[in-house]
């Protein structure tokens, strides 16, 4: 994703248009970063990494400010468009971000936690 004017510039020719493009990425050592690095290599793309972030909200804020292109999970694309005024450039097939909910209980019995789990299953796995 990127700011609207920048997204239009890089959308044409995607993914090749990312070669040399200014990119904001998750910090090295994360699963998402490894997958993105592998995807870049497989596609012969060498982006210009202008920022690496531990915090995804900070990464998006820098993207909103126009510092570079940035990846977001497709599940939150609409929200990122709305909140950060960003626009999609393309889809990076094969890169998957995983979300986990961990509970000490074998069964979720608390009504609020059960509602959250049900909503997550419904929204994330439609």
N, C-alpha and C. Protein backbone atom coordinates (compact mmCIF):
# COMPACT_ATOMS: atom_id res chain seq x y z
N UNK A 1 0.85 -1.17 0.00
CA UNK A 1 0.00 0.00 0.00
C UNK A 1 0.89 1.23 0.00
N UNK A 2 0.28 2.36 -0.29
CA UNK A 2 1.00 3.64 -0.31
C UNK A 2 -0.02 4.77 -0.31
N UNK A 3 0.49 5.99 -0.24
CA UNK A 3 -0.39 7.14 -0.40
C UNK A 3 -1.03 7.06 -1.78
N UNK A 4 -2.16 7.71 -1.97
CA UNK A 4 -2.89 7.61 -3.24
C UNK A 4 -2.03 7.97 -4.46
N UNK A 5 -1.31 9.10 -4.46
CA UNK A 5 -0.50 9.43 -5.65
C UNK A 5 0.61 8.40 -5.90
N UNK A 6 1.23 7.94 -4.82
CA UNK A 6 2.32 6.98 -4.95
C UNK A 6 1.81 5.62 -5.40
N UNK A 7 0.66 5.21 -4.89
CA UNK A 7 0.10 3.91 -5.27
C UNK A 7 -0.14 3.85 -6.76
N UNK A 8 -0.68 4.93 -7.33
CA UNK A 8 -0.92 4.97 -8.76
C UNK A 8 0.36 4.80 -9.57
N UNK A 9 1.44 5.35 -9.06
CA UNK A 9 2.74 5.27 -9.74
C UNK A 9 3.27 3.84 -9.76
N UNK A 10 3.08 3.09 -8.66
CA UNK A 10 3.66 1.75 -8.55
C UNK A 10 2.70 0.63 -8.92
N UNK A 11 1.42 0.93 -9.07
CA UNK A 11 0.43 -0.09 -9.40
C UNK A 11 0.69 -0.67 -10.79
N UNK A 12 1.01 0.19 -11.74
CA UNK A 12 1.31 -0.27 -13.09
C UNK A 12 2.61 -1.06 -13.10
N UNK A 13 2.55 -2.25 -13.64
CA UNK A 13 3.74 -3.09 -13.73
C UNK A 13 4.04 -3.87 -12.47
N UNK A 14 3.12 -3.88 -11.51
CA UNK A 14 3.32 -4.64 -10.27
C UNK A 14 3.46 -6.12 -10.61
N UNK A 15 4.36 -6.85 -10.04
CA UNK A 15 5.27 -6.52 -8.95
C UNK A 15 6.61 -5.94 -9.38
N UNK A 16 6.91 -5.99 -10.68
CA UNK A 16 8.19 -5.48 -11.15
C UNK A 16 8.44 -4.03 -10.79
N UNK A 17 7.36 -3.26 -10.66
CA UNK A 17 7.49 -1.84 -10.32
C UNK A 17 8.10 -1.62 -8.93
N UNK A 18 8.13 -2.67 -8.13
CA UNK A 18 8.70 -2.55 -6.78
C UNK A 18 10.23 -2.56 -6.77
N UNK A 19 10.83 -2.95 -7.89
CA UNK A 19 12.29 -3.00 -7.95
C UNK A 19 12.84 -1.58 -7.80
N UNK A 20 13.62 -1.36 -6.75
CA UNK A 20 14.19 -0.05 -6.47
C UNK A 20 13.25 0.90 -5.75
N UNK A 21 12.02 0.47 -5.50
CA UNK A 21 11.03 1.33 -4.84
C UNK A 21 11.34 1.49 -3.36
N UNK A 22 11.03 2.65 -2.77
CA UNK A 22 11.22 2.83 -1.33
C UNK A 22 10.17 2.02 -0.56
N UNK A 23 10.64 1.14 0.31
CA UNK A 23 9.74 0.22 1.00
C UNK A 23 9.97 0.27 2.50
N UNK A 24 8.88 0.23 3.25
CA UNK A 24 8.90 0.13 4.71
C UNK A 24 8.55 -1.31 5.04
N UNK A 25 9.35 -1.96 5.88
CA UNK A 25 9.14 -3.37 6.16
C UNK A 25 9.13 -3.67 7.65
N UNK A 26 8.53 -4.82 8.01
CA UNK A 26 8.64 -5.27 9.40
C UNK A 26 10.12 -5.55 9.71
N UNK A 27 10.45 -5.57 10.97
CA UNK A 27 11.83 -5.80 11.40
C UNK A 27 12.33 -7.17 10.95
N UNK A 28 13.64 -7.25 10.72
CA UNK A 28 14.26 -8.53 10.38
C UNK A 28 14.02 -9.52 11.50
N UNK A 29 13.93 -10.80 11.14
CA UNK A 29 13.75 -11.84 12.13
C UNK A 29 12.29 -12.21 12.34
N UNK A 30 11.37 -11.42 11.81
CA UNK A 30 9.96 -11.77 11.95
C UNK A 30 9.55 -12.70 10.80
N UNK A 31 8.53 -13.49 11.04
CA UNK A 31 8.04 -14.41 10.01
C UNK A 31 7.60 -13.65 8.76
N UNK A 32 6.88 -12.58 8.95
CA UNK A 32 6.40 -11.81 7.81
C UNK A 32 7.57 -11.24 7.00
N UNK A 33 8.58 -10.75 7.67
CA UNK A 33 9.74 -10.18 6.97
C UNK A 33 10.46 -11.26 6.17
N UNK A 34 10.64 -12.45 6.76
CA UNK A 34 11.30 -13.54 6.03
C UNK A 34 10.52 -13.90 4.78
N UNK A 35 9.19 -13.97 4.92
CA UNK A 35 8.36 -14.30 3.76
C UNK A 35 8.44 -13.22 2.68
N UNK A 36 8.42 -11.97 3.09
CA UNK A 36 8.53 -10.88 2.12
C UNK A 36 9.90 -10.90 1.44
N UNK A 37 10.97 -11.11 2.20
CA UNK A 37 12.31 -11.18 1.62
C UNK A 37 12.39 -12.31 0.59
N UNK A 38 11.81 -13.47 0.94
CA UNK A 38 11.79 -14.61 0.02
C UNK A 38 11.00 -14.27 -1.25
N UNK A 39 9.85 -13.60 -1.07
CA UNK A 39 9.02 -13.22 -2.21
C UNK A 39 9.77 -12.26 -3.13
N UNK A 40 10.45 -11.29 -2.54
CA UNK A 40 11.23 -10.35 -3.35
C UNK A 40 12.29 -11.11 -4.16
N UNK A 41 13.00 -12.02 -3.50
CA UNK A 41 14.04 -12.80 -4.17
C UNK A 41 13.46 -13.64 -5.31
N UNK A 42 12.36 -14.34 -5.02
CA UNK A 42 11.73 -15.20 -6.04
C UNK A 42 11.28 -14.39 -7.26
N UNK A 43 10.91 -13.14 -7.06
CA UNK A 43 10.42 -12.30 -8.15
C UNK A 43 11.49 -11.38 -8.73
N UNK A 44 12.74 -11.54 -8.29
CA UNK A 44 13.83 -10.72 -8.81
C UNK A 44 13.69 -9.25 -8.48
N UNK A 45 13.12 -8.96 -7.33
CA UNK A 45 12.87 -7.57 -6.92
C UNK A 45 13.84 -7.18 -5.80
N UNK A 46 14.48 -6.05 -5.99
CA UNK A 46 15.37 -5.51 -4.95
C UNK A 46 14.85 -4.13 -4.55
N UNK A 47 13.95 -4.10 -3.57
CA UNK A 47 13.43 -2.80 -3.14
C UNK A 47 14.48 -2.01 -2.37
N UNK A 48 14.28 -0.73 -2.27
CA UNK A 48 15.15 0.12 -1.46
C UNK A 48 14.48 0.23 -0.09
N UNK A 49 15.03 -0.45 0.89
CA UNK A 49 14.43 -0.47 2.23
C UNK A 49 14.78 0.85 2.93
N UNK A 50 13.74 1.63 3.21
CA UNK A 50 13.94 2.95 3.83
C UNK A 50 13.55 2.96 5.30
N UNK A 51 12.96 1.86 5.78
CA UNK A 51 12.59 1.79 7.19
C UNK A 51 12.22 0.37 7.57
N UNK A 52 12.59 0.00 8.80
CA UNK A 52 12.23 -1.30 9.36
C UNK A 52 11.60 -1.05 10.72
N UNK A 53 10.47 -1.72 10.99
CA UNK A 53 9.68 -1.39 12.16
C UNK A 53 9.28 -2.63 12.95
N UNK A 54 9.34 -2.52 14.26
CA UNK A 54 8.83 -3.54 15.17
C UNK A 54 7.33 -3.38 15.34
N UNK A 55 6.84 -2.16 15.20
CA UNK A 55 5.45 -1.83 15.47
C UNK A 55 4.72 -1.57 14.15
N UNK A 56 3.68 -2.34 13.86
CA UNK A 56 2.98 -2.20 12.57
C UNK A 56 2.24 -0.87 12.46
N UNK A 57 1.75 -0.32 13.56
CA UNK A 57 1.07 0.98 13.51
C UNK A 57 2.05 2.08 13.13
N UNK A 58 3.26 2.01 13.64
CA UNK A 58 4.28 3.00 13.30
C UNK A 58 4.68 2.86 11.83
N UNK A 59 4.79 1.64 11.35
CA UNK A 59 5.09 1.39 9.94
C UNK A 59 4.02 2.04 9.06
N UNK A 60 2.75 1.86 9.42
CA UNK A 60 1.65 2.44 8.64
C UNK A 60 1.66 3.97 8.72
N UNK A 61 2.00 4.51 9.88
CA UNK A 61 2.06 5.97 10.03
C UNK A 61 3.13 6.56 9.12
N UNK A 62 4.29 5.90 9.03
CA UNK A 62 5.33 6.37 8.12
C UNK A 62 4.87 6.23 6.67
N UNK A 63 4.15 5.15 6.38
CA UNK A 63 3.59 4.99 5.04
C UNK A 63 2.60 6.08 4.71
N UNK A 64 1.75 6.42 5.67
CA UNK A 64 0.76 7.49 5.48
C UNK A 64 1.46 8.82 5.21
N UNK A 65 2.62 9.02 5.83
CA UNK A 65 3.38 10.25 5.64
C UNK A 65 4.12 10.28 4.32
N UNK A 66 4.07 9.17 3.57
CA UNK A 66 4.70 9.13 2.26
C UNK A 66 6.14 8.67 2.25
N UNK A 67 6.59 8.05 3.35
CA UNK A 67 7.99 7.61 3.42
C UNK A 67 8.28 6.42 2.53
N UNK A 68 7.27 5.65 2.16
CA UNK A 68 7.52 4.50 1.30
C UNK A 68 6.29 3.61 1.19
N UNK A 69 6.42 2.57 0.40
CA UNK A 69 5.37 1.57 0.23
C UNK A 69 5.41 0.65 1.44
N UNK A 70 4.26 0.07 1.80
CA UNK A 70 4.26 -0.77 3.00
C UNK A 70 3.26 -1.91 2.86
N UNK A 71 3.61 -3.08 3.43
CA UNK A 71 2.72 -4.23 3.36
C UNK A 71 1.70 -4.21 4.49
N UNK A 72 0.50 -4.70 4.19
CA UNK A 72 -0.53 -4.90 5.21
C UNK A 72 -1.27 -6.18 4.89
N UNK A 73 -1.76 -6.89 5.90
CA UNK A 73 -2.57 -8.08 5.64
C UNK A 73 -3.85 -7.69 4.91
N UNK A 74 -4.27 -8.50 3.96
CA UNK A 74 -5.47 -8.18 3.18
C UNK A 74 -6.71 -8.06 4.05
N UNK A 75 -6.72 -8.75 5.19
CA UNK A 75 -7.89 -8.70 6.07
C UNK A 75 -8.13 -7.31 6.63
N UNK A 76 -7.08 -6.48 6.73
CA UNK A 76 -7.23 -5.13 7.27
C UNK A 76 -7.06 -4.05 6.20
N UNK A 77 -7.03 -4.45 4.94
CA UNK A 77 -6.81 -3.49 3.86
C UNK A 77 -7.82 -2.34 3.87
N UNK A 78 -9.09 -2.68 3.98
CA UNK A 78 -10.13 -1.63 3.96
C UNK A 78 -9.95 -0.66 5.12
N UNK A 79 -9.63 -1.18 6.29
CA UNK A 79 -9.42 -0.33 7.47
C UNK A 79 -8.20 0.57 7.29
N UNK A 80 -7.13 0.03 6.72
CA UNK A 80 -5.92 0.83 6.48
C UNK A 80 -6.21 1.92 5.45
N UNK A 81 -6.98 1.59 4.43
CA UNK A 81 -7.38 2.61 3.44
C UNK A 81 -8.12 3.75 4.12
N UNK A 82 -9.05 3.40 4.99
CA UNK A 82 -9.85 4.41 5.67
C UNK A 82 -9.04 5.20 6.68
N UNK A 83 -8.33 4.51 7.54
CA UNK A 83 -7.64 5.17 8.65
C UNK A 83 -6.38 5.91 8.21
N UNK A 84 -5.63 5.33 7.27
CA UNK A 84 -4.35 5.92 6.88
C UNK A 84 -4.39 6.58 5.50
N UNK A 85 -5.56 6.60 4.88
CA UNK A 85 -5.73 7.22 3.56
C UNK A 85 -4.75 6.63 2.56
N UNK A 86 -4.54 5.32 2.66
CA UNK A 86 -3.62 4.61 1.77
C UNK A 86 -4.42 3.89 0.69
N UNK A 87 -3.72 3.48 -0.36
CA UNK A 87 -4.35 2.77 -1.46
C UNK A 87 -3.52 1.53 -1.78
N UNK A 88 -4.19 0.44 -2.19
CA UNK A 88 -3.45 -0.78 -2.52
C UNK A 88 -2.67 -0.64 -3.83
N UNK A 89 -1.58 -1.35 -3.91
CA UNK A 89 -0.76 -1.37 -5.12
C UNK A 89 -0.92 -2.72 -5.81
N UNK A 90 -0.88 -3.78 -5.03
CA UNK A 90 -0.99 -5.13 -5.58
C UNK A 90 -1.04 -6.15 -4.46
N UNK A 91 -1.24 -7.40 -4.85
CA UNK A 91 -1.32 -8.49 -3.88
C UNK A 91 -0.06 -9.33 -3.97
N UNK A 92 0.52 -9.60 -2.81
CA UNK A 92 1.72 -10.42 -2.72
C UNK A 92 1.27 -11.85 -2.41
N UNK A 93 1.09 -12.64 -3.46
CA UNK A 93 0.61 -14.02 -3.29
C UNK A 93 1.63 -14.87 -2.55
N UNK A 94 1.13 -15.72 -1.66
CA UNK A 94 1.98 -16.66 -0.95
C UNK A 94 2.55 -16.15 0.35
N UNK A 95 2.40 -14.88 0.65
CA UNK A 95 2.88 -14.33 1.92
C UNK A 95 1.68 -14.27 2.85
N UNK A 96 1.82 -14.94 4.00
CA UNK A 96 0.70 -15.08 4.93
C UNK A 96 1.13 -14.63 6.32
N UNK A 97 0.31 -13.78 6.92
CA UNK A 97 0.55 -13.39 8.30
C UNK A 97 -0.38 -14.20 9.18
N UNK A 98 0.15 -14.73 10.25
CA UNK A 98 -0.64 -15.58 11.13
C UNK A 98 -1.00 -14.82 12.40
N UNK A 99 -2.22 -15.06 12.88
CA UNK A 99 -2.70 -14.46 14.12
C UNK A 99 -3.06 -15.60 15.06
N UNK A 100 -2.71 -15.46 16.33
CA UNK A 100 -2.97 -16.50 17.31
C UNK A 100 -3.73 -15.94 18.51
N UNK A 101 -4.63 -16.74 19.02
CA UNK A 101 -5.28 -16.44 20.29
C UNK A 101 -4.92 -17.59 21.22
N UNK A 102 -4.29 -17.28 22.31
CA UNK A 102 -3.80 -18.31 23.23
C UNK A 102 -4.57 -18.19 24.54
N UNK A 103 -5.05 -19.32 25.02
CA UNK A 103 -5.82 -19.35 26.25
C UNK A 103 -5.29 -20.47 27.14
N UNK A 104 -5.31 -20.26 28.44
CA UNK A 104 -4.89 -21.30 29.36
C UNK A 104 -5.99 -22.35 29.54
N UNK A 105 -7.21 -21.96 29.18
CA UNK A 105 -8.33 -22.89 29.29
C UNK A 105 -8.41 -23.77 28.06
N UNK A 106 -8.75 -25.03 28.26
CA UNK A 106 -8.94 -25.92 27.13
C UNK A 106 -10.16 -25.48 26.33
N UNK A 107 -11.19 -25.06 27.03
CA UNK A 107 -12.40 -24.52 26.41
C UNK A 107 -12.57 -23.09 26.84
N UNK A 108 -13.00 -22.28 25.92
CA UNK A 108 -13.26 -20.88 26.23
C UNK A 108 -14.64 -20.79 26.85
N UNK A 109 -14.68 -20.35 28.11
CA UNK A 109 -15.96 -20.28 28.81
C UNK A 109 -16.41 -18.86 29.12
N UNK A 110 -15.48 -17.95 29.19
CA UNK A 110 -15.85 -16.57 29.50
C UNK A 110 -16.62 -16.00 28.31
N UNK A 111 -17.81 -15.42 28.55
CA UNK A 111 -18.65 -14.94 27.44
C UNK A 111 -17.98 -13.91 26.54
N UNK A 112 -17.21 -13.00 27.12
CA UNK A 112 -16.56 -11.97 26.31
C UNK A 112 -15.48 -12.59 25.42
N UNK A 113 -14.69 -13.49 25.99
CA UNK A 113 -13.63 -14.15 25.22
C UNK A 113 -14.25 -15.03 24.13
N UNK A 114 -15.34 -15.72 24.46
CA UNK A 114 -16.03 -16.55 23.47
C UNK A 114 -16.55 -15.68 22.32
N UNK A 115 -17.08 -14.51 22.64
CA UNK A 115 -17.59 -13.60 21.60
C UNK A 115 -16.47 -13.11 20.69
N UNK A 116 -15.34 -12.79 21.28
CA UNK A 116 -14.18 -12.35 20.50
C UNK A 116 -13.71 -13.46 19.57
N UNK A 117 -13.62 -14.67 20.09
CA UNK A 117 -13.17 -15.81 19.27
C UNK A 117 -14.14 -16.08 18.13
N UNK A 118 -15.42 -16.03 18.42
CA UNK A 118 -16.44 -16.24 17.38
C UNK A 118 -16.35 -15.16 16.31
N UNK A 119 -16.21 -13.92 16.73
CA UNK A 119 -16.11 -12.81 15.77
C UNK A 119 -14.85 -12.96 14.92
N UNK A 120 -13.74 -13.35 15.53
CA UNK A 120 -12.50 -13.53 14.79
C UNK A 120 -12.64 -14.63 13.74
N UNK A 121 -13.25 -15.74 14.13
CA UNK A 121 -13.45 -16.84 13.17
C UNK A 121 -14.33 -16.38 12.01
N UNK A 122 -15.37 -15.63 12.33
CA UNK A 122 -16.31 -15.17 11.30
C UNK A 122 -15.66 -14.15 10.37
N UNK A 123 -14.96 -13.18 10.92
CA UNK A 123 -14.36 -12.11 10.11
C UNK A 123 -13.11 -12.55 9.38
N UNK A 124 -12.26 -13.32 10.04
CA UNK A 124 -10.98 -13.71 9.45
C UNK A 124 -11.10 -14.87 8.47
N UNK A 125 -12.09 -15.70 8.65
CA UNK A 125 -12.17 -16.92 7.83
C UNK A 125 -13.43 -17.01 7.00
N UNK A 126 -13.96 -15.85 6.57
CA UNK A 126 -15.17 -15.83 5.75
C UNK A 126 -14.91 -16.49 4.43
